[in-house]
Amino acid sequence: MDQDTTVSLVLLFIIAGGGLVAFGGLTLFGHHLFFKTKNQAILGICAGLVLLGALEIRFYASSASFFANQKVVVGYCHFEAEKANPGQRGTKSDAINRSIAACLSKEGYEWSPDHRRCKEAPLAMNEYCYLPTAFFSRLITKMQLVFE
């Protein structure tokens, strides 16, 4: 999605969501400007909160976190593993892979070979082979991986 479309949608969501919440609240206080009944007002408030919540999740999920951060952490762990085991580079030893997996486990990630790109190359340094252990981060990362 290009930047102009994103800005337009953000404005639309803020105006629509905020408007629904505001007009719903006014209706509950007896000012029937937009909604005619309390049930309509409550549904309007709920719809407005859903729009604003979706916008918040969009902003939160697009930041440099979740899968983008996971790539950085895998790179960091790979660097640390090679720094800790300099004699193991280029050998058939599994020390670097174990060190990467231990580092990622310490950082809050677990091995998950379900993604198709992990099945192509199930290596310890493949960022597609891990998922966060925290529930919300795991949920957002799984959603992001659907599009990868």
C-alpha atoms as a PDB file:
ATOM      1  CA  MET A   1       0.000   0.000   0.000  1.00  0.00           C
ATOM      2  CA  ASP A   2       1.491   3.345  -0.973  1.00  0.00           C
ATOM      3  CA  GLN A   3       1.927   6.234   1.434  1.00  0.00           C
ATOM      4  CA  ASP A   4      -0.901   8.422   0.078  1.00  0.00           C
ATOM      5  CA  THR A   5      -3.430   5.613   0.430  1.00  0.00           C
ATOM      6  CA  THR A   6      -2.222   4.829   3.942  1.00  0.00           C
ATOM      7  CA  VAL A   7      -2.542   8.453   5.057  1.00  0.00           C
ATOM      8  CA  SER A   8      -6.046   8.659   3.572  1.00  0.00           C
ATOM      9  CA  LEU A   9      -7.148   5.453   5.287  1.00  0.00           C
ATOM     10  CA  VAL A  10      -5.681   6.554   8.609  1.00  0.00           C
ATOM     11  CA  LEU A  11      -7.576   9.841   8.421  1.00  0.00           C
ATOM     12  CA  LEU A  12     -10.773   8.048   7.449  1.00  0.00           C
ATOM     13  CA  PHE A  13     -10.443   5.536  10.306  1.00  0.00           C
ATOM     14  CA  ILE A  14      -9.701   8.262  12.871  1.00  0.00           C
ATOM     15  CA  ILE A  15     -12.609  10.443  11.745  1.00  0.00           C
ATOM     16  CA  ALA A  16     -15.067   7.554  11.382  1.00  0.00           C
ATOM     17  CA  GLY A  17     -14.038   5.763  14.582  1.00  0.00           C
ATOM     18  CA  GLY A  18     -13.850   8.928  16.651  1.00  0.00           C
ATOM     19  CA  GLY A  19     -17.119  10.191  15.212  1.00  0.00           C
ATOM     20  CA  LEU A  20     -18.953   6.966  15.977  1.00  0.00           C
ATOM     21  CA  VAL A  21     -17.683   6.974  19.554  1.00  0.00           C
ATOM     22  CA  ALA A  22     -18.467  10.681  20.046  1.00  0.00           C
ATOM     23  CA  PHE A  23     -21.954  10.586  18.522  1.00  0.00           C
ATOM     24  CA  GLY A  24     -22.730   7.359  20.371  1.00  0.00           C
ATOM     25  CA  GLY A  25     -21.675   8.942  23.650  1.00  0.00           C
ATOM     26  CA  LEU A  26     -23.739  12.052  22.977  1.00  0.00           C
ATOM     27  CA  THR A  27     -26.773   9.887  22.219  1.00  0.00           C
ATOM     28  CA  LEU A  28     -26.352   8.083  25.539  1.00  0.00           C
ATOM     29  CA  PHE A  29     -26.394  11.492  27.254  1.00  0.00           C
ATOM     30  CA  GLY A  30     -29.643  12.478  25.544  1.00  0.00           C
ATOM     31  CA  HIS A  31     -28.389  14.417  22.503  1.00  0.00           C
ATOM     32  CA  HIS A  32     -29.758  12.530  19.503  1.00  0.00           C
ATOM     33  CA  LEU A  33     -27.625  14.069  16.752  1.00  0.00           C
ATOM     34  CA  PHE A  34     -26.850  10.940  14.740  1.00  0.00           C
ATOM     35  CA  PHE A  35     -28.249   7.848  16.455  1.00  0.00           C
ATOM     36  CA  LYS A  36     -31.924   7.628  17.379  1.00  0.00           C
ATOM     37  CA  THR A  37     -31.859   4.845  19.991  1.00  0.00           C
ATOM     38  CA  LYS A  38     -29.519   3.755  22.761  1.00  0.00           C
ATOM     39  CA  ASN A  39     -28.971   0.400  21.037  1.00  0.00           C
ATOM     40  CA  GLN A  40     -27.802   2.193  17.900  1.00  0.00           C
ATOM     41  CA  ALA A  41     -25.532   4.360  20.046  1.00  0.00           C
ATOM     42  CA  ILE A  42     -23.981   1.348  21.753  1.00  0.00           C
ATOM     43  CA  LEU A  43     -23.424  -0.382  18.404  1.00  0.00           C
ATOM     44  CA  GLY A  44     -21.911   2.841  17.059  1.00  0.00           C
ATOM     45  CA  ILE A  45     -19.540   3.108  20.000  1.00  0.00           C
ATOM     46  CA  CYS A  46     -18.507  -0.540  19.549  1.00  0.00           C
ATOM     47  CA  ALA A  47     -17.943  -0.058  15.805  1.00  0.00           C
ATOM     48  CA  GLY A  48     -15.921   3.097  16.468  1.00  0.00           C
ATOM     49  CA  LEU A  49     -13.756   1.329  19.020  1.00  0.00           C
ATOM     50  CA  VAL A  50     -13.190  -1.540  16.577  1.00  0.00           C
ATOM     51  CA  LEU A  51     -12.048   0.927  13.898  1.00  0.00           C
ATOM     52  CA  LEU A  52      -9.725   2.721  16.308  1.00  0.00           C
ATOM     53  CA  GLY A  53      -8.443  -0.607  17.663  1.00  0.00           C
ATOM     54  CA  ALA A  54      -7.717  -1.893  14.159  1.00  0.00           C
ATOM     55  CA  LEU A  55      -5.825   1.307  13.437  1.00  0.00           C
ATOM     56  CA  GLU A  56      -3.796   0.914  16.622  1.00  0.00           C
ATOM     57  CA  ILE A  57      -2.919  -2.687  15.766  1.00  0.00           C
ATOM     58  CA  ARG A  58      -1.913  -1.551  12.267  1.00  0.00           C
ATOM     59  CA  PHE A  59       0.448   1.066  13.709  1.00  0.00           C
ATOM     60  CA  TYR A  60       1.806  -1.295  16.336  1.00  0.00           C
ATOM     61  CA  ALA A  61       2.366  -4.165  13.895  1.00  0.00           C
ATOM     62  CA  SER A  62       4.064  -1.994  11.281  1.00  0.00           C
ATOM     63  CA  SER A  63       6.773  -0.754  13.616  1.00  0.00           C
ATOM     64  CA  ALA A  64      10.234  -2.243  13.738  1.00  0.00           C
ATOM     65  CA  SER A  65       9.077  -5.138  15.845  1.00  0.00           C
ATOM     66  CA  PHE A  66       7.732  -8.613  15.414  1.00  0.00           C
ATOM     67  CA  PHE A  67       9.115 -10.289  12.271  1.00  0.00           C
ATOM     68  CA  ALA A  68      11.418  -7.363  11.397  1.00  0.00           C
ATOM     69  CA  ASN A  69      12.861  -7.550  14.904  1.00  0.00           C
ATOM     70  CA  GLN A  70      13.060 -11.329  14.669  1.00  0.00           C
ATOM     71  CA  LYS A  71      15.364 -10.997  11.648  1.00  0.00           C
ATOM     72  CA  VAL A  72      17.613  -8.650  13.628  1.00  0.00           C
ATOM     73  CA  VAL A  73      17.707 -11.000  16.622  1.00  0.00           C
ATOM     74  CA  VAL A  74      18.577 -14.005  14.423  1.00  0.00           C
ATOM     75  CA  GLY A  75      21.420 -11.996  12.862  1.00  0.00           C
ATOM     76  CA  TYR A  76      22.631 -10.933  16.294  1.00  0.00           C
ATOM     77  CA  CYS A  77      22.538 -14.508  17.612  1.00  0.00           C
ATOM     78  CA  HIS A  78      24.367 -15.765  14.522  1.00  0.00           C
ATOM     79  CA  PHE A  79      27.086 -13.152  15.070  1.00  0.00           C
ATOM     80  CA  GLU A  80      27.378 -13.986  18.767  1.00  0.00           C
ATOM     81  CA  ALA A  81      27.539 -17.730  18.037  1.00  0.00           C
ATOM     82  CA  GLU A  82      30.355 -17.297  15.527  1.00  0.00           C
ATOM     83  CA  LYS A  83      32.179 -14.941  17.890  1.00  0.00           C
ATOM     84  CA  ALA A  84      31.902 -17.487  20.720  1.00  0.00           C
ATOM     85  CA  ASN A  85      32.987 -20.428  18.498  1.00  0.00           C
ATOM     86  CA  PRO A  86      35.577 -19.032  16.067  1.00  0.00           C
ATOM     87  CA  GLY A  87      37.219 -22.401  15.476  1.00  0.00           C
ATOM     88  CA  GLN A  88      33.935 -24.014  14.426  1.00  0.00           C
ATOM     89  CA  ARG A  89      33.316 -21.887  11.315  1.00  0.00           C
ATOM     90  CA  GLY A  90      33.385 -23.958   8.156  1.00  0.00           C
ATOM     91  CA  THR A  91      33.428 -27.281  10.013  1.00  0.00           C
ATOM     92  CA  LYS A  92      30.694 -29.889  10.309  1.00  0.00           C
ATOM     93  CA  SER A  93      30.388 -29.159  14.017  1.00  0.00           C
ATOM     94  CA  ASP A  94      26.937 -28.363  15.350  1.00  0.00           C
ATOM     95  CA  ALA A  95      28.257 -25.963  18.016  1.00  0.00           C
ATOM     96  CA  ILE A  96      27.305 -22.788  16.147  1.00  0.00           C
ATOM     97  CA  ASN A  97      23.774 -24.046  15.445  1.00  0.00           C
ATOM     98  CA  ARG A  98      23.289 -25.018  19.101  1.00  0.00           C
ATOM     99  CA  SER A  99      24.632 -21.649  20.185  1.00  0.00           C
ATOM    100  CA  ILE A 100      22.238 -19.793  17.833  1.00  0.00           C
ATOM    101  CA  ALA A 101      19.267 -21.839  19.082  1.00  0.00           C
ATOM    102  CA  ALA A 102      20.236 -21.207  22.724  1.00  0.00           C
ATOM    103  CA  CYS A 103      20.603 -17.471  22.097  1.00  0.00           C
ATOM    104  CA  LEU A 104      17.207 -17.288  20.381  1.00  0.00           C
ATOM    105  CA  SER A 105      15.618 -19.265  23.194  1.00  0.00           C
ATOM    106  CA  LYS A 106      17.079 -16.789  25.679  1.00  0.00           C
ATOM    107  CA  GLU A 107      15.705 -13.902  23.564  1.00  0.00           C
ATOM    108  CA  GLY A 108      12.171 -15.382  23.683  1.00  0.00           C
ATOM    109  CA  TYR A 109      11.902 -17.404  20.464  1.00  0.00           C
ATOM    110  CA  GLU A 110      11.245 -21.088  19.902  1.00  0.00           C
ATOM    111  CA  TRP A 111      11.947 -23.393  16.975  1.00  0.00           C
ATOM    112  CA  SER A 112       8.939 -23.746  14.663  1.00  0.00           C
ATOM    113  CA  PRO A 113       9.633 -25.506  11.339  1.00  0.00           C
ATOM    114  CA  ASP A 114       6.085 -25.014   9.955  1.00  0.00           C
ATOM    115  CA  HIS A 115       6.726 -22.120   7.537  1.00  0.00           C
ATOM    116  CA  ARG A 116       7.384 -23.137   3.921  1.00  0.00           C
ATOM    117  CA  ARG A 117      10.660 -21.166   3.805  1.00  0.00           C
ATOM    118  CA  CYS A 118      11.866 -23.034   6.864  1.00  0.00           C
ATOM    119  CA  LYS A 119      11.018 -26.345   5.203  1.00  0.00           C
ATOM    120  CA  GLU A 120      13.207 -25.304   2.253  1.00  0.00           C
ATOM    121  CA  ALA A 121      16.196 -24.671   4.548  1.00  0.00           C
ATOM    122  CA  PRO A 122      15.719 -25.803   8.163  1.00  0.00           C
ATOM    123  CA  LEU A 123      18.842 -24.082   9.502  1.00  0.00           C
ATOM    124  CA  ALA A 124      19.400 -22.506  12.906  1.00  0.00           C
ATOM    125  CA  MET A 125      20.083 -19.140  11.250  1.00  0.00           C
ATOM    126  CA  ASN A 126      16.864 -19.155   9.169  1.00  0.00           C
ATOM    127  CA  GLU A 127      14.563 -16.490  10.645  1.00  0.00           C
ATOM    128  CA  TYR A 128      11.498 -18.276   9.250  1.00  0.00           C
ATOM    129  CA  CYS A 129      12.157 -21.233  11.563  1.00  0.00           C
ATOM    130  CA  TYR A 130      11.345 -19.387  14.802  1.00  0.00           C
ATOM    131  CA  LEU A 131       8.309 -17.855  16.468  1.00  0.00           C
ATOM    132  CA  PRO A 132       8.142 -15.633  19.559  1.00  0.00           C
ATOM    133  CA  THR A 133       6.997 -17.278  22.761  1.00  0.00           C
ATOM    134  CA  ALA A 134       4.901 -14.264  23.875  1.00  0.00           C
ATOM    135  CA  PHE A 135       1.253 -14.676  22.815  1.00  0.00           C
ATOM    136  CA  PHE A 136       0.582 -11.311  21.137  1.00  0.00           C
ATOM    137  CA  SER A 137       3.981 -11.192  19.404  1.00  0.00           C
ATOM    138  CA  ARG A 138       3.453 -14.743  18.173  1.00  0.00           C
ATOM    139  CA  LEU A 139      -0.001 -13.865  16.824  1.00  0.00           C
ATOM    140  CA  ILE A 140       1.211 -10.780  14.929  1.00  0.00           C
ATOM    141  CA  THR A 141       4.315 -12.585  13.624  1.00  0.00           C
ATOM    142  CA  LYS A 142       2.175 -15.463  12.338  1.00  0.00           C
ATOM    143  CA  MET A 143      -0.054 -12.957  10.540  1.00  0.00           C
ATOM    144  CA  GLN A 144       3.009 -11.278   9.017  1.00  0.00           C
ATOM    145  CA  LEU A 145       4.444 -14.636   7.933  1.00  0.00           C
ATOM    146  CA  VAL A 146       1.278 -15.417   5.977  1.00  0.00           C
ATOM    147  CA  PHE A 147       2.336 -12.694   3.533  1.00  0.00           C
ATOM    148  CA  GLU A 148       6.019 -13.713   3.361  1.00  0.00           C
END
